[in-house]
Amino acid sequence: MTASPLSHAVVDVVGHPFHVIWTPEDGAIRAGGFAMAEDPGAESLLRRLERLAPELAARGVSSSASSGGGGDRDGDDRGGDDEHGIVEALRAYDRGDLGAIDGLRVAQPETPFRGEVWRALRRVPAGGAVTYTELAALAGRPSAVRAAASGCANNLVALVVPCHRIVRTDGGLGGYLFGVDIKERLLRHEAAIR
């Protein structure tokens, strides 16, 4: 028996299209990321999924979920069913309910330490930010700062596993895969910066 295609939706978050891909059988988010000017359809998200989880990517993405269907009053949301509440949680986060995404289920290929890094990131509350040094300590290995940074760089589930909450030791924003502008918008939305 062949597994069903992955589900996909696009939800406007802080003024940018956020793409989310999940397994329909369990509602676990497998990939999430923002569209960018150079990648308006967020095809790079699927390429990252193909590289890190080829067996999942081979299932394809449901055409009914990714083909779009007009927007609604809460933004340019496109997607199939939302039986797992993923789209509604993202909409609620965008409307200001910052804890709405905290309960979403995520699953991504992990090494033991990367898994600890991602779980530590999910414990950093909205409105907070940590450095890579602090993240390594939260993940249980204070001396593994470079490994913590690598965990962020390989995070497939942006926003829900909030790598945007990492700042430089000097308080600067640092980089972000989807651009510093989006990172700044997210941190302002969460009141981590003014």
Foldseek 3Di string as FASTA:
>chain_A
DAAAAWWWKWAQALNFTKIWTGRVVPQATAFIDTAAPVRNLPVVLLVLCCVFPVVNSVNPYDCQASVADADDPQGRMGGDDCPVCPRVLRSVCRVQPVCSLLPGHHDYDDDLLLVLLLVLLSVQGQLAAEELLVSCVSSPHNVPSVVSVVSLVSDRYDPSSPPLRYDHPVRHSDADPRGPVVSVSSNVSSNNDD
